C-alpha atoms as a PDB file:
ATOM      1  CA  UNK A   1      78.653 151.275  83.088  1.00  0.00           C
ATOM      2  CA  UNK A   2      75.307 152.650  81.103  1.00  0.00           C
ATOM      3  CA  UNK A   3      75.910 154.960  78.378  1.00  0.00           C
ATOM      4  CA  UNK A   4      74.174 157.119  80.351  1.00  0.00           C
ATOM      5  CA  UNK A   5      74.583 161.220  81.299  1.00  0.00           C
ATOM      6  CA  UNK A   6      72.425 162.373  84.695  1.00  0.00           C
ATOM      7  CA  UNK A   7      72.015 165.867  85.240  1.00  0.00           C
ATOM      8  CA  UNK A   8      70.959 167.783  88.369  1.00  0.00           C
ATOM      9  CA  UNK A   9      70.428 171.421  88.728  1.00  0.00           C
ATOM     10  CA  UNK A  10      71.333 172.956  91.743  1.00  0.00           C
ATOM     11  CA  UNK A  11      71.414 175.999  94.479  1.00  0.00           C
ATOM     12  CA  UNK A  12      72.478 175.933  97.705  1.00  0.00           C
ATOM     13  CA  UNK A  13      72.008 172.378  97.834  1.00  0.00           C
ATOM     14  CA  UNK A  14      75.720 171.417  99.684  1.00  0.00           C
ATOM     15  CA  UNK A  15      73.605 169.426 102.769  1.00  0.00           C
ATOM     16  CA  UNK A  16      71.868 166.738 100.583  1.00  0.00           C
ATOM     17  CA  UNK A  17      73.823 166.976  97.052  1.00  0.00           C
ATOM     18  CA  UNK A  18      76.461 164.800  97.901  1.00  0.00           C
ATOM     19  CA  UNK A  19      73.998 161.778  98.651  1.00  0.00           C
ATOM     20  CA  UNK A  20      72.225 162.441  95.678  1.00  0.00           C
ATOM     21  CA  UNK A  21      75.840 161.885  93.611  1.00  0.00           C
ATOM     22  CA  UNK A  22      77.351 159.046  95.647  1.00  0.00           C
ATOM     23  CA  UNK A  23      74.243 157.160  94.845  1.00  0.00           C
ATOM     24  CA  UNK A  24      74.170 157.776  90.957  1.00  0.00           C
ATOM     25  CA  UNK A  25      77.949 157.168  90.451  1.00  0.00           C
ATOM     26  CA  UNK A  26      77.348 153.793  89.556  1.00  0.00           C
ATOM     27  CA  UNK A  27      75.083 154.796  87.108  1.00  0.00           C
ATOM     28  CA  UNK A  28      77.226 157.327  84.756  1.00  0.00           C
ATOM     29  CA  UNK A  29      80.467 158.201  83.804  1.00  0.00           C
ATOM     30  CA  UNK A  30      79.168 161.705  82.995  1.00  0.00           C
ATOM     31  CA  UNK A  31      77.355 163.466  86.177  1.00  0.00           C
ATOM     32  CA  UNK A  32      76.305 167.048  85.103  1.00  0.00           C
ATOM     33  CA  UNK A  33      75.840 169.603  87.695  1.00  0.00           C
ATOM     34  CA  UNK A  34      74.154 173.138  86.710  1.00  0.00           C
ATOM     35  CA  UNK A  35      74.468 175.263  89.363  1.00  0.00           C
ATOM     36  CA  UNK A  36      72.657 179.088  89.280  1.00  0.00           C
ATOM     37  CA  UNK A  37      75.225 180.625  92.120  1.00  0.00           C
ATOM     38  CA  UNK A  38      75.409 178.598  95.074  1.00  0.00           C
ATOM     39  CA  UNK A  39      77.163 180.503  97.986  1.00  0.00           C
ATOM     40  CA  UNK A  40      77.558 177.579 100.447  1.00  0.00           C
ATOM     41  CA  UNK A  41      80.021 175.074  98.691  1.00  0.00           C
ATOM     42  CA  UNK A  42      77.632 173.363  96.257  1.00  0.00           C
ATOM     43  CA  UNK A  43      80.146 173.743  93.464  1.00  0.00           C
ATOM     44  CA  UNK A  44      83.003 172.524  95.442  1.00  0.00           C
ATOM     45  CA  UNK A  45      81.009 169.529  97.020  1.00  0.00           C
ATOM     46  CA  UNK A  46      79.707 167.931  93.596  1.00  0.00           C
ATOM     47  CA  UNK A  47      83.546 168.302  91.835  1.00  0.00           C
ATOM     48  CA  UNK A  48      84.872 166.483  94.556  1.00  0.00           C
ATOM     49  CA  UNK A  49      82.337 163.839  93.578  1.00  0.00           C
ATOM     50  CA  UNK A  50      83.486 163.638  90.196  1.00  0.00           C
ATOM     51  CA  UNK A  51      80.762 165.901  88.602  1.00  0.00           C
ATOM     52  CA  UNK A  52      81.030 168.299  85.693  1.00  0.00           C
ATOM     53  CA  UNK A  53      80.025 171.656  87.480  1.00  0.00           C
ATOM     54  CA  UNK A  54      78.475 174.693  84.806  1.00  0.00           C
ATOM     55  CA  UNK A  55      77.275 177.675  85.840  1.00  0.00           C
ATOM     56  CA  UNK A  56      73.954 179.066  84.381  1.00  0.00           C
ATOM     57  CA  UNK A  57      72.054 181.886  85.776  1.00  0.00           C
ATOM     58  CA  UNK A  58      68.695 180.559  86.723  1.00  0.00           C
ATOM     59  CA  UNK A  59      66.251 181.157  83.558  1.00  0.00           C
ATOM     60  CA  UNK A  60      63.261 178.922  85.013  1.00  0.00           C
ATOM     61  CA  UNK A  61      63.164 175.544  85.507  1.00  0.00           C
ATOM     62  CA  UNK A  62      62.432 174.237  81.816  1.00  0.00           C
ATOM     63  CA  UNK A  63      64.953 176.333  80.671  1.00  0.00           C
ATOM     64  CA  UNK A  64      67.378 175.392  83.160  1.00  0.00           C
ATOM     65  CA  UNK A  65      66.742 171.670  82.670  1.00  0.00           C
ATOM     66  CA  UNK A  66      66.745 171.978  78.771  1.00  0.00           C
ATOM     67  CA  UNK A  67      70.229 173.783  79.313  1.00  0.00           C
ATOM     68  CA  UNK A  68      71.354 171.022  80.856  1.00  0.00           C
ATOM     69  CA  UNK A  69      70.395 168.293  78.692  1.00  0.00           C
ATOM     70  CA  UNK A  70      72.609 170.446  76.016  1.00  0.00           C
ATOM     71  CA  UNK A  71      76.175 169.576  78.295  1.00  0.00           C
ATOM     72  CA  UNK A  72      75.511 166.065  78.511  1.00  0.00           C
ATOM     73  CA  UNK A  73      77.940 163.533  76.454  1.00  0.00           C
ATOM     74  CA  UNK A  74      75.436 160.685  76.043  1.00  0.00           C
ATOM     75  CA  UNK A  75      72.589 160.275  74.161  1.00  0.00           C
ATOM     76  CA  UNK A  76      70.265 158.506  77.161  1.00  0.00           C
ATOM     77  CA  UNK A  77      69.762 160.647  79.975  1.00  0.00           C
ATOM     78  CA  UNK A  78      68.688 160.255  83.846  1.00  0.00           C
ATOM     79  CA  UNK A  79      67.174 163.658  85.474  1.00  0.00           C
ATOM     80  CA  UNK A  80      67.536 163.845  89.173  1.00  0.00           C
ATOM     81  CA  UNK A  81      66.831 166.548  91.420  1.00  0.00           C
ATOM     82  CA  UNK A  82      69.207 167.853  93.978  1.00  0.00           C
ATOM     83  CA  UNK A  83      66.893 165.979  96.625  1.00  0.00           C
ATOM     84  CA  UNK A  84      66.412 163.124  95.220  1.00  0.00           C
ATOM     85  CA  UNK A  85      68.413 159.700  95.712  1.00  0.00           C
ATOM     86  CA  UNK A  86      68.508 156.417  93.501  1.00  0.00           C
ATOM     87  CA  UNK A  87      68.165 153.349  96.063  1.00  0.00           C
ATOM     88  CA  UNK A  88      70.450 150.131  95.067  1.00  0.00           C
ATOM     89  CA  UNK A  89      67.200 148.434  93.777  1.00  0.00           C
ATOM     90  CA  UNK A  90      66.274 151.208  91.235  1.00  0.00           C
ATOM     91  CA  UNK A  91      70.320 151.742  90.345  1.00  0.00           C
ATOM     92  CA  UNK A  92      70.233 147.808  89.562  1.00  0.00           C
ATOM     93  CA  UNK A  93      67.056 148.317  87.957  1.00  0.00           C
ATOM     94  CA  UNK A  94      68.489 150.567  85.260  1.00  0.00           C
ATOM     95  CA  UNK A  95      71.668 148.931  84.912  1.00  0.00           C
ATOM     96  CA  UNK A  96      69.893 145.560  83.593  1.00  0.00           C
ATOM     97  CA  UNK A  97      68.245 147.990  81.123  1.00  0.00           C
ATOM     98  CA  UNK A  98      71.000 148.558  79.289  1.00  0.00           C
ATOM     99  CA  UNK A  99      72.788 144.963  79.836  1.00  0.00           C
ATOM    100  CA  UNK A 100      71.492 143.705  76.531  1.00  0.00           C
ATOM    101  CA  UNK A 101      72.223 146.952  74.394  1.00  0.00           C
ATOM    102  CA  UNK A 102      69.944 149.506  74.233  1.00  0.00           C
ATOM    103  CA  UNK A 103      66.559 149.687  75.738  1.00  0.00           C
ATOM    104  CA  UNK A 104      63.269 148.769  74.072  1.00  0.00           C
ATOM    105  CA  UNK A 105      61.588 151.475  74.977  1.00  0.00           C
ATOM    106  CA  UNK A 106      62.770 155.500  74.186  1.00  0.00           C
ATOM    107  CA  UNK A 107      61.488 156.906  77.815  1.00  0.00           C
ATOM    108  CA  UNK A 108      60.427 155.532  81.057  1.00  0.00           C
ATOM    109  CA  UNK A 109      58.270 156.774  83.988  1.00  0.00           C
ATOM    110  CA  UNK A 110      59.944 156.489  86.992  1.00  0.00           C
ATOM    111  CA  UNK A 111      58.419 156.847  90.391  1.00  0.00           C
ATOM    112  CA  UNK A 112      59.324 159.439  92.847  1.00  0.00           C
ATOM    113  CA  UNK A 113      58.044 159.101  96.506  1.00  0.00           C
ATOM    114  CA  UNK A 114      58.646 161.914  99.104  1.00  0.00           C
ATOM    115  CA  UNK A 115      60.510 161.107 102.078  1.00  0.00           C
ATOM    116  CA  UNK A 116      59.364 163.066 105.135  1.00  0.00           C
ATOM    117  CA  UNK A 117      62.085 164.307 107.915  1.00  0.00           C
ATOM    118  CA  UNK A 118      62.019 161.403 110.495  1.00  0.00           C
ATOM    119  CA  UNK A 119      61.021 158.942 107.742  1.00  0.00           C
ATOM    120  CA  UNK A 120      64.501 156.572 106.625  1.00  0.00           C
ATOM    121  CA  UNK A 121      62.498 155.355 103.666  1.00  0.00           C
ATOM    122  CA  UNK A 122      59.346 156.055 101.853  1.00  0.00           C
ATOM    123  CA  UNK A 123      56.069 155.433 103.736  1.00  0.00           C
ATOM    124  CA  UNK A 124      54.456 152.556 103.078  1.00  0.00           C
ATOM    125  CA  UNK A 125      51.383 154.701 101.441  1.00  0.00           C
ATOM    126  CA  UNK A 126      53.391 157.832 100.445  1.00  0.00           C
ATOM    127  CA  UNK A 127      51.641 159.238  97.471  1.00  0.00           C
ATOM    128  CA  UNK A 128      54.213 159.073  94.379  1.00  0.00           C
ATOM    129  CA  UNK A 129      54.516 161.240  91.201  1.00  0.00           C
ATOM    130  CA  UNK A 130      55.489 158.982  87.929  1.00  0.00           C
ATOM    131  CA  UNK A 131      56.849 161.372  85.657  1.00  0.00           C
ATOM    132  CA  UNK A 132      59.403 160.492  82.410  1.00  0.00           C
ATOM    133  CA  UNK A 133      62.825 161.008  83.784  1.00  0.00           C
ATOM    134  CA  UNK A 134      65.190 158.590  81.998  1.00  0.00           C
ATOM    135  CA  UNK A 135      65.102 158.949  78.037  1.00  0.00           C
ATOM    136  CA  UNK A 136      66.591 159.656  74.950  1.00  0.00           C
ATOM    137  CA  UNK A 137      67.545 163.315  74.210  1.00  0.00           C
ATOM    138  CA  UNK A 138      66.989 162.155  70.534  1.00  0.00           C
ATOM    139  CA  UNK A 139      63.624 161.267  71.856  1.00  0.00           C
ATOM    140  CA  UNK A 140      62.291 164.122  74.102  1.00  0.00           C
ATOM    141  CA  UNK A 141      63.173 167.298  75.806  1.00  0.00           C
ATOM    142  CA  UNK A 142      62.333 169.491  78.930  1.00  0.00           C
ATOM    143  CA  UNK A 143      59.649 171.384  78.022  1.00  0.00           C
ATOM    144  CA  UNK A 144      60.839 175.341  77.944  1.00  0.00           C
ATOM    145  CA  UNK A 145      58.147 176.202  80.377  1.00  0.00           C
ATOM    146  CA  UNK A 146      59.322 178.571  83.287  1.00  0.00           C
ATOM    147  CA  UNK A 147      57.316 176.481  85.875  1.00  0.00           C
ATOM    148  CA  UNK A 148      55.898 173.431  84.006  1.00  0.00           C
ATOM    149  CA  UNK A 149      58.380 170.642  84.997  1.00  0.00           C
ATOM    150  CA  UNK A 150      57.894 168.088  82.059  1.00  0.00           C
ATOM    151  CA  UNK A 151      59.569 165.888  79.116  1.00  0.00           C
ATOM    152  CA  UNK A 152      58.049 166.396  75.742  1.00  0.00           C
ATOM    153  CA  UNK A 153      58.181 163.541  73.999  1.00  0.00           C
ATOM    154  CA  UNK A 154      58.381 162.957  70.071  1.00  0.00           C
ATOM    155  CA  UNK A 155      54.956 161.362  68.556  1.00  0.00           C
ATOM    156  CA  UNK A 156      56.320 158.272  68.281  1.00  0.00           C
ATOM    157  CA  UNK A 157      58.269 157.937  71.223  1.00  0.00           C
ATOM    158  CA  UNK A 158      57.615 154.287  73.004  1.00  0.00           C
ATOM    159  CA  UNK A 159      57.493 155.162  76.834  1.00  0.00           C
ATOM    160  CA  UNK A 160      57.866 151.978  79.502  1.00  0.00           C
ATOM    161  CA  UNK A 161      57.629 152.400  83.149  1.00  0.00           C
ATOM    162  CA  UNK A 162      60.319 150.925  85.986  1.00  0.00           C
ATOM    163  CA  UNK A 163      59.579 149.577  89.011  1.00  0.00           C
ATOM    164  CA  UNK A 164      61.737 151.132  91.492  1.00  0.00           C
ATOM    165  CA  UNK A 165      61.154 154.201  93.025  1.00  0.00           C
ATOM    166  CA  UNK A 166      63.385 157.315  93.861  1.00  0.00           C
ATOM    167  CA  UNK A 167      63.708 158.841  97.265  1.00  0.00           C
ATOM    168  CA  UNK A 168      62.721 162.321  97.208  1.00  0.00           C
ATOM    169  CA  UNK A 169      63.908 164.191 100.330  1.00  0.00           C
ATOM    170  CA  UNK A 170      62.482 167.793  99.482  1.00  0.00           C
ATOM    171  CA  UNK A 171      61.470 169.039 102.901  1.00  0.00           C
ATOM    172  CA  UNK A 172      64.464 170.429 105.112  1.00  0.00           C
ATOM    173  CA  UNK A 173      61.970 171.988 107.212  1.00  0.00           C
ATOM    174  CA  UNK A 174      58.427 173.729 107.185  1.00  0.00           C
ATOM    175  CA  UNK A 175      59.302 176.939 106.840  1.00  0.00           C
ATOM    176  CA  UNK A 176      61.845 176.262 104.392  1.00  0.00           C
ATOM    177  CA  UNK A 177      59.169 174.405 102.214  1.00  0.00           C
ATOM    178  CA  UNK A 178      57.265 177.234 102.643  1.00  0.00           C
ATOM    179  CA  UNK A 179      59.848 179.715 101.102  1.00  0.00           C
ATOM    180  CA  UNK A 180      60.075 177.593  98.315  1.00  0.00           C
ATOM    181  CA  UNK A 181      56.164 177.308  97.836  1.00  0.00           C
ATOM    182  CA  UNK A 182      55.807 181.184  97.949  1.00  0.00           C
ATOM    183  CA  UNK A 183      58.739 181.763  95.347  1.00  0.00           C
ATOM    184  CA  UNK A 184      57.322 179.208  92.772  1.00  0.00           C
ATOM    185  CA  UNK A 185      53.684 180.658  93.183  1.00  0.00           C
ATOM    186  CA  UNK A 186      55.080 183.577  92.182  1.00  0.00           C
ATOM    187  CA  UNK A 187      56.267 182.052  89.597  1.00  0.00           C
ATOM    188  CA  UNK A 188      53.443 180.190  88.459  1.00  0.00           C
ATOM    189  CA  UNK A 189      51.162 183.947  88.304  1.00  0.00           C
ATOM    190  CA  UNK A 190      54.055 185.660  86.392  1.00  0.00           C
ATOM    191  CA  UNK A 191      53.567 182.380  84.064  1.00  0.00           C
ATOM    192  CA  UNK A 192      49.835 182.933  83.904  1.00  0.00           C
ATOM    193  CA  UNK A 193      50.193 186.507  82.507  1.00  0.00           C
ATOM    194  CA  UNK A 194      52.677 185.988  80.176  1.00  0.00           C
ATOM    195  CA  UNK A 195      50.156 183.313  78.465  1.00  0.00           C
ATOM    196  CA  UNK A 196      47.301 185.611  79.185  1.00  0.00           C
ATOM    197  CA  UNK A 197      45.400 183.283  81.572  1.00  0.00           C
ATOM    198  CA  UNK A 198      42.879 184.301  83.825  1.00  0.00           C
ATOM    199  CA  UNK A 199      41.838 182.049  86.925  1.00  0.00           C
ATOM    200  CA  UNK A 200      37.911 182.379  88.174  1.00  0.00           C
ATOM    201  CA  UNK A 201      37.416 185.059  91.838  1.00  0.00           C
ATOM    202  CA  UNK A 202      35.587 181.492  92.987  1.00  0.00           C
ATOM    203  CA  UNK A 203      39.202 179.753  93.181  1.00  0.00           C
ATOM    204  CA  UNK A 204      40.134 182.421  95.937  1.00  0.00           C
ATOM    205  CA  UNK A 205      37.413 180.488  98.053  1.00  0.00           C
ATOM    206  CA  UNK A 206      37.546 176.965  97.045  1.00  0.00           C
ATOM    207  CA  UNK A 207      41.706 176.633  96.349  1.00  0.00           C
ATOM    208  CA  UNK A 208      42.428 175.644 100.279  1.00  0.00           C
ATOM    209  CA  UNK A 209      40.058 173.729 101.427  1.00  0.00           C
ATOM    210  CA  UNK A 210      39.793 171.579  97.816  1.00  0.00           C
ATOM    211  CA  UNK A 211      43.993 170.896  97.553  1.00  0.00           C
ATOM    212  CA  UNK A 212      43.946 170.400 101.471  1.00  0.00           C
ATOM    213  CA  UNK A 213      41.356 167.287 100.769  1.00  0.00           C
ATOM    214  CA  UNK A 214      43.661 166.788  97.740  1.00  0.00           C
ATOM    215  CA  UNK A 215      46.884 166.804  99.691  1.00  0.00           C
ATOM    216  CA  UNK A 216      45.487 165.165 102.809  1.00  0.00           C
ATOM    217  CA  UNK A 217      43.247 162.473 101.649  1.00  0.00           C
ATOM    218  CA  UNK A 218      43.888 161.826  98.134  1.00  0.00           C
ATOM    219  CA  UNK A 219      47.151 161.732  98.411  1.00  0.00           C
ATOM    220  CA  UNK A 220      47.577 160.007 101.829  1.00  0.00           C
ATOM    221  CA  UNK A 221      49.378 162.403 104.079  1.00  0.00           C
ATOM    222  CA  UNK A 222      46.366 161.747 106.450  1.00  0.00           C
ATOM    223  CA  UNK A 223      48.372 158.541 107.224  1.00  0.00           C
ATOM    224  CA  UNK A 224      51.477 160.141 107.853  1.00  0.00           C
ATOM    225  CA  UNK A 225      50.888 161.497 111.077  1.00  0.00           C
ATOM    226  CA  UNK A 226      51.157 165.138 112.040  1.00  0.00           C
ATOM    227  CA  UNK A 227      53.977 165.794 109.480  1.00  0.00           C
ATOM    228  CA  UNK A 228      51.827 164.925 106.782  1.00  0.00           C
ATOM    229  CA  UNK A 229      48.915 167.260 108.166  1.00  0.00           C
ATOM    230  CA  UNK A 230      51.137 170.025 108.278  1.00  0.00           C
ATOM    231  CA  UNK A 231      52.672 169.539 105.171  1.00  0.00           C
ATOM    232  CA  UNK A 232      49.302 168.997 103.740  1.00  0.00           C
ATOM    233  CA  UNK A 233      48.428 172.301 105.276  1.00  0.00           C
ATOM    234  CA  UNK A 234      51.673 174.161 102.768  1.00  0.00           C
ATOM    235  CA  UNK A 235      50.639 172.721  99.779  1.00  0.00           C
ATOM    236  CA  UNK A 236      46.663 174.120  99.949  1.00  0.00           C
ATOM    237  CA  UNK A 237      48.314 177.369 101.267  1.00  0.00           C
ATOM    238  CA  UNK A 238      50.286 177.588  97.899  1.00  0.00           C
ATOM    239  CA  UNK A 239      47.916 176.731  96.012  1.00  0.00           C
ATOM    240  CA  UNK A 240      45.646 179.496  96.999  1.00  0.00           C
ATOM    241  CA  UNK A 241      48.634 181.952  96.616  1.00  0.00           C
ATOM    242  CA  UNK A 242      48.854 181.715  93.092  1.00  0.00           C
ATOM    243  CA  UNK A 243      45.568 182.691  92.899  1.00  0.00           C
ATOM    244  CA  UNK A 244      45.301 184.910  95.235  1.00  0.00           C
ATOM    245  CA  UNK A 245      48.374 186.848  93.530  1.00  0.00           C
ATOM    246  CA  UNK A 246      47.025 186.447  90.380  1.00  0.00           C
ATOM    247  CA  UNK A 247      43.776 188.428  91.726  1.00  0.00           C
ATOM    248  CA  UNK A 248      46.139 190.930  93.152  1.00  0.00           C
ATOM    249  CA  UNK A 249      48.121 191.549  89.946  1.00  0.00           C
ATOM    250  CA  UNK A 250      44.426 191.851  88.125  1.00  0.00           C
ATOM    251  CA  UNK A 251      43.070 194.279  90.739  1.00  0.00           C
ATOM    252  CA  UNK A 252      46.414 196.070  90.679  1.00  0.00           C
ATOM    253  CA  UNK A 253      45.829 196.551  86.608  1.00  0.00           C
ATOM    254  CA  UNK A 254      42.339 197.604  86.962  1.00  0.00           C
ATOM    255  CA  UNK A 255      43.009 200.284  89.878  1.00  0.00           C
ATOM    256  CA  UNK A 256      45.917 201.910  87.434  1.00  0.00           C
ATOM    257  CA  UNK A 257      43.914 202.100  84.619  1.00  0.00           C
ATOM    258  CA  UNK A 258      40.508 203.587  86.736  1.00  0.00           C
ATOM    259  CA  UNK A 259      42.883 205.942  88.760  1.00  0.00           C
ATOM    260  CA  UNK A 260      41.717 209.451  87.941  1.00  0.00           C
ATOM    261  CA  UNK A 261      43.985 212.197  87.132  1.00  0.00           C
ATOM    262  CA  UNK A 262      43.584 215.594  88.836  1.00  0.00           C
ATOM    263  CA  UNK A 263      44.193 219.097  87.538  1.00  0.00           C
ATOM    264  CA  UNK A 264      47.297 220.696  88.435  1.00  0.00           C
ATOM    265  CA  UNK A 265      47.253 223.873  89.877  1.00  0.00           C
ATOM    266  CA  UNK A 266      49.785 226.215  87.996  1.00  0.00           C
ATOM    267  CA  UNK A 267      48.622 229.681  89.134  1.00  0.00           C
ATOM    268  CA  UNK A 268      49.772 231.626  91.943  1.00  0.00           C
ATOM    269  CA  UNK A 269      48.542 231.208  95.284  1.00  0.00           C
ATOM    270  CA  UNK A 270      44.539 232.320  95.897  1.00  0.00           C
ATOM    271  CA  UNK A 271      43.751 235.374  98.335  1.00  0.00           C
END
């Protein structure tokens, strides 16, 4: 078995995390689940499948993943979300990577393809991201950003790429997806405020249509039927929401500064 730790952050993932852990067990003797307060039995399920479960109150995406990194026993780490599954071909590729000792690179990009409800595997034309997910902790750590989910690598880190694809079962339902994206838009507006950033008012108009086209055409959701159309709409509305919330906050701050004060009549009644 590779000298590899696998870490997963989770909250209320009992319906999905089981298959994630089961698929990962062939790769690691150290599977770490960092739970931020599940109430649906996620913790007990993960323990029953052999994972170490550690509670940590939610600090933000990057901070939670950095906390999880610190709980891992091995230098080599593989990060998975609770709705992601390593298929057999990718697992075999990772095992082969370690078969002759330490891998040639310090970090590896891994394709992650979204699987919509009703699909058993990634669509032939599914859009896929390829972030660094397999890496040496001594050569890279997750960014401490509360919203940006990425590994920051040392300048001399050697980066490779795996051929296999992680299966991402991200959508329980359109409503649940929208709830998650709504919360994420709040976090992005908070992060923008904290950094003192400003978005152009023009983006209030442009953000929705531009991002619908990005998802529907650029990410090829148009080839995935009605669910592709509906998911593209959700994505576009989420991108619009983060801009709208940013501008709502600016308008409220401006109004609080400009609100006039009125003298208080401290005397008796007139007349």
